[in-house]
Amino acid sequence: MPAKQDNEITLKIKGSMEDFIANIKEKGFKLIEEFKMEDAYFIPKSLKLNEMTCREILAKAILVRYIENFTENIETKLITFKRKEIDKSGVILNQEIFDVKVENLEDAKKFLQAIGYEEILQIYELDKVYEKEGFSFAIKDIKDGDNLIEVELSENNEKLNSIDKLKQTLNSYNIPIYTDNYFVKKAEVELEKELKNRKI
């Protein structure tokens, strides 16, 4: 189970998804990949949720993840754990992702339940990846949630090998995004809504 070093910036999209896509197509971006992702978040039953922040809860979470890649016609089933280092202002300093492929998602869920975990959250999203001149980003349409754009760090590209360079490159295209928060954390947003519904 090798860890994947990863980092990215994630921002909210202004306006409708349709208008955003029209905007980036006018600027020369081309669709290169399309997939859907379904994440079920499991946490230890022993957690005292009313005494924890959403970030603290999610630090303990294990994901059962299903990805259907429409472009390549490939299905992927995983158990995933993310370890993030986040500073006080919410900036993600470092992120490691540990993935284990599984054959059956229901069996994976049953295993987690058997060792004392419970499902607390589900997130469904449709993703489209657009690219222009070696610069790519994913548009995330979260079911019953926000429309987001995510840009990953690339150590192999001198223009994209730091968070500051990612920001500069993205902003240079003048696309309709909110730049007040470069580290929108979709799971924290959705978990906060879920906990309010549960009145925890």
C-alpha atoms as a PDB file:
ATOM      1  CA  MET A   1       0.000   0.000   0.000  1.00  0.00           C
ATOM      2  CA  PRO A   2       2.303   2.787  -1.186  1.00  0.00           C
ATOM      3  CA  ALA A   3       1.399   6.321  -0.145  1.00  0.00           C
ATOM      4  CA  LYS A   4       0.792   8.852  -2.883  1.00  0.00           C
ATOM      5  CA  GLN A   5       2.133  12.306  -2.091  1.00  0.00           C
ATOM      6  CA  ASP A   6      -0.431  14.773  -3.291  1.00  0.00           C
ATOM      7  CA  ASN A   7      -1.454  18.380  -2.900  1.00  0.00           C
ATOM      8  CA  GLU A   8      -3.868  20.683  -4.645  1.00  0.00           C
ATOM      9  CA  ILE A   9      -5.853  23.877  -4.525  1.00  0.00           C
ATOM     10  CA  THR A  10      -9.645  23.742  -4.613  1.00  0.00           C
ATOM     11  CA  LEU A  11     -11.914  26.719  -5.237  1.00  0.00           C
ATOM     12  CA  LYS A  12     -15.614  27.407  -5.726  1.00  0.00           C
ATOM     13  CA  ILE A  13     -16.901  28.171  -9.214  1.00  0.00           C
ATOM     14  CA  LYS A  14     -18.886  31.363  -9.826  1.00  0.00           C
ATOM     15  CA  GLY A  15     -22.251  31.035 -11.522  1.00  0.00           C
ATOM     16  CA  SER A  16     -23.666  27.933 -13.155  1.00  0.00           C
ATOM     17  CA  MET A  17     -21.660  24.940 -14.314  1.00  0.00           C
ATOM     18  CA  GLU A  18     -22.931  25.495 -17.866  1.00  0.00           C
ATOM     19  CA  ASP A  19     -21.674  29.088 -17.957  1.00  0.00           C
ATOM     20  CA  PHE A  20     -18.332  28.072 -16.449  1.00  0.00           C
ATOM     21  CA  ILE A  21     -17.766  25.354 -19.052  1.00  0.00           C
ATOM     22  CA  ALA A  22     -18.689  27.760 -21.854  1.00  0.00           C
ATOM     23  CA  ASN A  23     -16.167  30.251 -20.446  1.00  0.00           C
ATOM     24  CA  ILE A  24     -13.235  27.830 -20.326  1.00  0.00           C
ATOM     25  CA  LYS A  25     -14.032  26.414 -23.771  1.00  0.00           C
ATOM     26  CA  GLU A  26     -13.875  29.953 -25.175  1.00  0.00           C
ATOM     27  CA  LYS A  27     -10.411  30.207 -23.623  1.00  0.00           C
ATOM     28  CA  GLY A  28      -9.261  27.073 -25.447  1.00  0.00           C
ATOM     29  CA  PHE A  29      -9.570  24.393 -22.769  1.00  0.00           C
ATOM     30  CA  LYS A  30     -10.474  20.919 -24.049  1.00  0.00           C
ATOM     31  CA  LEU A  31     -12.242  18.092 -22.231  1.00  0.00           C
ATOM     32  CA  ILE A  32      -9.778  15.206 -21.774  1.00  0.00           C
ATOM     33  CA  GLU A  33     -11.376  13.029 -19.095  1.00  0.00           C
ATOM     34  CA  GLU A  34     -14.758  12.432 -17.478  1.00  0.00           C
ATOM     35  CA  PHE A  35     -15.594  10.250 -14.480  1.00  0.00           C
ATOM     36  CA  LYS A  36     -17.883   9.903 -11.499  1.00  0.00           C
ATOM     37  CA  MET A  37     -16.801   9.252  -7.938  1.00  0.00           C
ATOM     38  CA  GLU A  38     -18.807   7.927  -5.014  1.00  0.00           C
ATOM     39  CA  ASP A  39     -17.255   8.145  -1.543  1.00  0.00           C
ATOM     40  CA  ALA A  40     -18.642   6.588   1.635  1.00  0.00           C
ATOM     41  CA  TYR A  41     -16.913   7.914   4.774  1.00  0.00           C
ATOM     42  CA  PHE A  42     -16.519   5.586   7.753  1.00  0.00           C
ATOM     43  CA  ILE A  43     -15.391   6.675  11.219  1.00  0.00           C
ATOM     44  CA  PRO A  44     -14.810   4.806  14.500  1.00  0.00           C
ATOM     45  CA  LYS A  45     -18.054   4.399  16.454  1.00  0.00           C
ATOM     46  CA  SER A  46     -16.178   5.409  19.592  1.00  0.00           C
ATOM     47  CA  LEU A  47     -15.719   9.025  18.463  1.00  0.00           C
ATOM     48  CA  LYS A  48     -17.541  11.690  20.476  1.00  0.00           C
ATOM     49  CA  LEU A  49     -18.700  13.763  17.555  1.00  0.00           C
ATOM     50  CA  ASN A  50     -20.162  16.592  19.618  1.00  0.00           C
ATOM     51  CA  GLU A  51     -16.701  17.221  21.088  1.00  0.00           C
ATOM     52  CA  MET A  52     -14.844  17.307  17.757  1.00  0.00           C
ATOM     53  CA  THR A  53     -14.523  19.605  14.762  1.00  0.00           C
ATOM     54  CA  CYS A  54     -15.354  18.316  11.294  1.00  0.00           C
ATOM     55  CA  ARG A  55     -11.657  18.359  10.472  1.00  0.00           C
ATOM     56  CA  GLU A  56     -10.814  16.247  13.517  1.00  0.00           C
ATOM     57  CA  ILE A  57     -13.541  13.760  12.628  1.00  0.00           C
ATOM     58  CA  LEU A  58     -12.412  13.446   9.017  1.00  0.00           C
ATOM     59  CA  ALA A  59      -8.812  12.886  10.120  1.00  0.00           C
ATOM     60  CA  LYS A  60     -10.063   9.546  11.478  1.00  0.00           C
ATOM     61  CA  ALA A  61     -12.136   8.645   8.423  1.00  0.00           C
ATOM     62  CA  ILE A  62     -11.613   5.770   6.008  1.00  0.00           C
ATOM     63  CA  LEU A  63     -13.251   6.006   2.588  1.00  0.00           C
ATOM     64  CA  VAL A  64     -14.848   3.279   0.532  1.00  0.00           C
ATOM     65  CA  ARG A  65     -14.496   4.730  -2.946  1.00  0.00           C
ATOM     66  CA  TYR A  66     -15.979   3.854  -6.330  1.00  0.00           C
ATOM     67  CA  ILE A  67     -14.694   5.529  -9.492  1.00  0.00           C
ATOM     68  CA  GLU A  68     -16.187   5.021 -12.929  1.00  0.00           C
ATOM     69  CA  ASN A  69     -14.002   6.520 -15.643  1.00  0.00           C
ATOM     70  CA  PHE A  70     -16.219   7.179 -18.676  1.00  0.00           C
ATOM     71  CA  THR A  71     -13.290   8.184 -20.870  1.00  0.00           C
ATOM     72  CA  GLU A  72     -11.365   4.941 -20.403  1.00  0.00           C
ATOM     73  CA  ASN A  73     -14.351   2.733 -19.501  1.00  0.00           C
ATOM     74  CA  ILE A  74     -12.651   1.600 -16.278  1.00  0.00           C
ATOM     75  CA  GLU A  75     -14.145   0.961 -12.842  1.00  0.00           C
ATOM     76  CA  THR A  76     -12.000   1.275  -9.707  1.00  0.00           C
ATOM     77  CA  LYS A  77     -12.950   0.194  -6.176  1.00  0.00           C
ATOM     78  CA  LEU A  78     -10.810   1.295  -3.256  1.00  0.00           C
ATOM     79  CA  ILE A  79     -10.426   1.643   0.467  1.00  0.00           C
ATOM     80  CA  THR A  80      -8.734   5.018   0.935  1.00  0.00           C
ATOM     81  CA  PHE A  81      -7.165   6.851   3.860  1.00  0.00           C
ATOM     82  CA  LYS A  82      -5.976  10.459   3.588  1.00  0.00           C
ATOM     83  CA  ARG A  83      -3.442  11.983   5.945  1.00  0.00           C
ATOM     84  CA  LYS A  84      -3.312  15.769   5.701  1.00  0.00           C
ATOM     85  CA  GLU A  85      -1.117  18.369   7.317  1.00  0.00           C
ATOM     86  CA  ILE A  86      -3.161  21.578   7.550  1.00  0.00           C
ATOM     87  CA  ASP A  87      -2.043  24.848   9.127  1.00  0.00           C
ATOM     88  CA  LYS A  88      -4.206  27.065  11.350  1.00  0.00           C
ATOM     89  CA  SER A  89      -5.457  29.118   8.416  1.00  0.00           C
ATOM     90  CA  GLY A  90      -6.690  26.018   6.577  1.00  0.00           C
ATOM     91  CA  VAL A  91      -3.863  25.752   4.041  1.00  0.00           C
ATOM     92  CA  ILE A  92      -3.041  22.151   3.146  1.00  0.00           C
ATOM     93  CA  LEU A  93       0.714  21.881   3.620  1.00  0.00           C
ATOM     94  CA  ASN A  94       1.012  18.216   2.687  1.00  0.00           C
ATOM     95  CA  GLN A  95      -1.247  15.308   1.890  1.00  0.00           C
ATOM     96  CA  GLU A  96      -0.629  11.564   1.663  1.00  0.00           C
ATOM     97  CA  ILE A  97      -3.179   9.193   0.172  1.00  0.00           C
ATOM     98  CA  PHE A  98      -3.139   5.479   0.929  1.00  0.00           C
ATOM     99  CA  ASP A  99      -5.210   3.319  -1.463  1.00  0.00           C
ATOM    100  CA  VAL A 100      -6.015  -0.386  -1.391  1.00  0.00           C
ATOM    101  CA  LYS A 101      -7.923  -1.901  -4.314  1.00  0.00           C
ATOM    102  CA  VAL A 102     -10.872  -4.126  -3.391  1.00  0.00           C
ATOM    103  CA  GLU A 103     -13.089  -6.458  -5.401  1.00  0.00           C
ATOM    104  CA  ASN A 104     -16.388  -5.779  -3.656  1.00  0.00           C
ATOM    105  CA  LEU A 105     -17.474  -2.485  -2.096  1.00  0.00           C
ATOM    106  CA  GLU A 106     -20.148  -4.037   0.107  1.00  0.00           C
ATOM    107  CA  ASP A 107     -17.614  -6.478   1.546  1.00  0.00           C
ATOM    108  CA  ALA A 108     -15.284  -3.547   2.249  1.00  0.00           C
ATOM    109  CA  LYS A 109     -18.066  -1.744   4.114  1.00  0.00           C
ATOM    110  CA  LYS A 110     -18.940  -4.875   6.106  1.00  0.00           C
ATOM    111  CA  PHE A 111     -15.297  -5.283   7.080  1.00  0.00           C
ATOM    112  CA  LEU A 112     -15.093  -1.716   8.382  1.00  0.00           C
ATOM    113  CA  GLN A 113     -18.324  -2.206  10.325  1.00  0.00           C
ATOM    114  CA  ALA A 114     -16.951  -5.429  11.793  1.00  0.00           C
ATOM    115  CA  ILE A 115     -13.910  -3.616  13.216  1.00  0.00           C
ATOM    116  CA  GLY A 116     -15.969  -0.857  14.821  1.00  0.00           C
ATOM    117  CA  TYR A 117     -16.543   1.725  12.098  1.00  0.00           C
ATOM    118  CA  GLU A 118     -19.815   3.311  11.002  1.00  0.00           C
ATOM    119  CA  GLU A 119     -20.763   5.191   7.855  1.00  0.00           C
ATOM    120  CA  ILE A 120     -21.289   8.887   8.501  1.00  0.00           C
ATOM    121  CA  LEU A 121     -21.262  10.539   5.083  1.00  0.00           C
ATOM    122  CA  GLN A 122     -21.656   9.915   1.366  1.00  0.00           C
ATOM    123  CA  ILE A 123     -20.432  12.250  -1.356  1.00  0.00           C
ATOM    124  CA  TYR A 124     -21.322  11.809  -5.020  1.00  0.00           C
ATOM    125  CA  GLU A 125     -19.634  13.865  -7.701  1.00  0.00           C
ATOM    126  CA  LEU A 126     -19.220  14.122 -11.451  1.00  0.00           C
ATOM    127  CA  ASP A 127     -15.782  15.220 -12.590  1.00  0.00           C
ATOM    128  CA  LYS A 128     -14.604  16.640 -15.892  1.00  0.00           C
ATOM    129  CA  VAL A 129     -10.929  17.317 -16.546  1.00  0.00           C
ATOM    130  CA  TYR A 130     -10.008  20.125 -18.950  1.00  0.00           C
ATOM    131  CA  GLU A 131      -6.558  20.875 -20.356  1.00  0.00           C
ATOM    132  CA  LYS A 132      -4.754  23.578 -22.290  1.00  0.00           C
ATOM    133  CA  GLU A 133      -1.035  23.722 -23.110  1.00  0.00           C
ATOM    134  CA  GLY A 134      -0.093  21.255 -20.367  1.00  0.00           C
ATOM    135  CA  PHE A 135      -2.215  22.906 -17.673  1.00  0.00           C
ATOM    136  CA  SER A 136      -5.195  20.873 -16.486  1.00  0.00           C
ATOM    137  CA  PHE A 137      -7.836  21.047 -13.797  1.00  0.00           C
ATOM    138  CA  ALA A 138     -10.847  19.024 -12.688  1.00  0.00           C
ATOM    139  CA  ILE A 139     -14.323  20.489 -12.410  1.00  0.00           C
ATOM    140  CA  LYS A 140     -16.289  18.835  -9.619  1.00  0.00           C
ATOM    141  CA  ASP A 141     -20.080  18.839  -9.622  1.00  0.00           C
ATOM    142  CA  ILE A 142     -20.959  17.747  -6.079  1.00  0.00           C
ATOM    143  CA  LYS A 143     -24.457  16.301  -5.727  1.00  0.00           C
ATOM    144  CA  ASP A 144     -26.507  18.690  -3.554  1.00  0.00           C
ATOM    145  CA  GLY A 145     -23.297  20.654  -2.961  1.00  0.00           C
ATOM    146  CA  ASP A 146     -20.889  23.152  -4.487  1.00  0.00           C
ATOM    147  CA  ASN A 147     -19.369  23.299  -7.941  1.00  0.00           C
ATOM    148  CA  LEU A 148     -15.599  23.235  -7.497  1.00  0.00           C
ATOM    149  CA  ILE A 149     -12.396  23.401  -9.484  1.00  0.00           C
ATOM    150  CA  GLU A 150      -9.342  21.422  -8.359  1.00  0.00           C
ATOM    151  CA  VAL A 151      -5.778  21.860  -9.584  1.00  0.00           C
ATOM    152  CA  GLU A 152      -3.076  19.430  -8.523  1.00  0.00           C
ATOM    153  CA  LEU A 153       0.539  20.219  -7.815  1.00  0.00           C
ATOM    154  CA  SER A 154       2.974  18.837 -10.413  1.00  0.00           C
ATOM    155  CA  GLU A 155       6.569  18.325  -9.296  1.00  0.00           C
ATOM    156  CA  ASN A 156       7.542  17.583 -12.914  1.00  0.00           C
ATOM    157  CA  ASN A 157       6.317  20.931 -14.227  1.00  0.00           C
ATOM    158  CA  GLU A 158       8.355  23.966 -13.189  1.00  0.00           C
ATOM    159  CA  LYS A 159       5.313  26.213 -13.636  1.00  0.00           C
ATOM    160  CA  LEU A 160       3.159  24.076 -11.340  1.00  0.00           C
ATOM    161  CA  ASN A 161       5.540  22.768  -8.690  1.00  0.00           C
ATOM    162  CA  SER A 162       4.392  24.988  -5.825  1.00  0.00           C
ATOM    163  CA  ILE A 163       1.075  26.177  -4.454  1.00  0.00           C
ATOM    164  CA  ASP A 164       1.933  29.799  -5.258  1.00  0.00           C
ATOM    165  CA  LYS A 165       2.700  28.882  -8.879  1.00  0.00           C
ATOM    166  CA  LEU A 166      -0.568  26.940  -9.125  1.00  0.00           C
ATOM    167  CA  LYS A 167      -2.459  30.019  -7.951  1.00  0.00           C
ATOM    168  CA  GLN A 168      -0.620  32.323 -10.371  1.00  0.00           C
ATOM    169  CA  THR A 169      -1.169  30.025 -13.344  1.00  0.00           C
ATOM    170  CA  LEU A 170      -4.855  29.488 -12.593  1.00  0.00           C
ATOM    171  CA  ASN A 171      -5.493  33.195 -12.022  1.00  0.00           C
ATOM    172  CA  SER A 172      -3.763  34.086 -15.292  1.00  0.00           C
ATOM    173  CA  TYR A 173      -6.659  32.527 -17.234  1.00  0.00           C
ATOM    174  CA  ASN A 174      -9.188  34.879 -15.595  1.00  0.00           C
ATOM    175  CA  ILE A 175     -11.886  32.227 -15.269  1.00  0.00           C
ATOM    176  CA  PRO A 176     -14.968  32.734 -13.026  1.00  0.00           C
ATOM    177  CA  ILE A 177     -13.876  31.393  -9.637  1.00  0.00           C
ATOM    178  CA  TYR A 178     -13.933  32.690  -6.070  1.00  0.00           C
ATOM    179  CA  THR A 179     -10.373  33.423  -4.942  1.00  0.00           C
ATOM    180  CA  ASP A 180     -11.097  34.134  -1.269  1.00  0.00           C
ATOM    181  CA  ASN A 181     -10.422  30.468  -0.383  1.00  0.00           C
ATOM    182  CA  TYR A 182      -7.971  28.310  -2.333  1.00  0.00           C
ATOM    183  CA  PHE A 183      -8.462  25.328  -0.030  1.00  0.00           C
ATOM    184  CA  VAL A 184     -12.169  24.523  -0.038  1.00  0.00           C
ATOM    185  CA  LYS A 185     -12.545  21.187   1.718  1.00  0.00           C
ATOM    186  CA  LYS A 186     -15.600  19.497   0.243  1.00  0.00           C
ATOM    187  CA  ALA A 187     -15.757  16.748   2.871  1.00  0.00           C
ATOM    188  CA  GLU A 188     -15.737  19.274   5.721  1.00  0.00           C
ATOM    189  CA  VAL A 189     -18.517  21.280   4.049  1.00  0.00           C
ATOM    190  CA  GLU A 190     -20.667  18.198   3.464  1.00  0.00           C
ATOM    191  CA  LEU A 191     -19.991  16.715   6.908  1.00  0.00           C
ATOM    192  CA  GLU A 192     -21.000  19.960   8.599  1.00  0.00           C
ATOM    193  CA  LYS A 193     -24.330  19.805   6.756  1.00  0.00           C
ATOM    194  CA  GLU A 194     -24.791  16.145   7.698  1.00  0.00           C
ATOM    195  CA  LEU A 195     -24.105  16.779  11.386  1.00  0.00           C
ATOM    196  CA  LYS A 196     -26.564  19.686  11.415  1.00  0.00           C
ATOM    197  CA  ASN A 197     -29.212  17.399   9.942  1.00  0.00           C
ATOM    198  CA  ARG A 198     -28.471  14.898  12.692  1.00  0.00           C
ATOM    199  CA  LYS A 199     -28.520  17.736  15.262  1.00  0.00           C
ATOM    200  CA  ILE A 200     -25.198  16.601  16.759  1.00  0.00           C
END
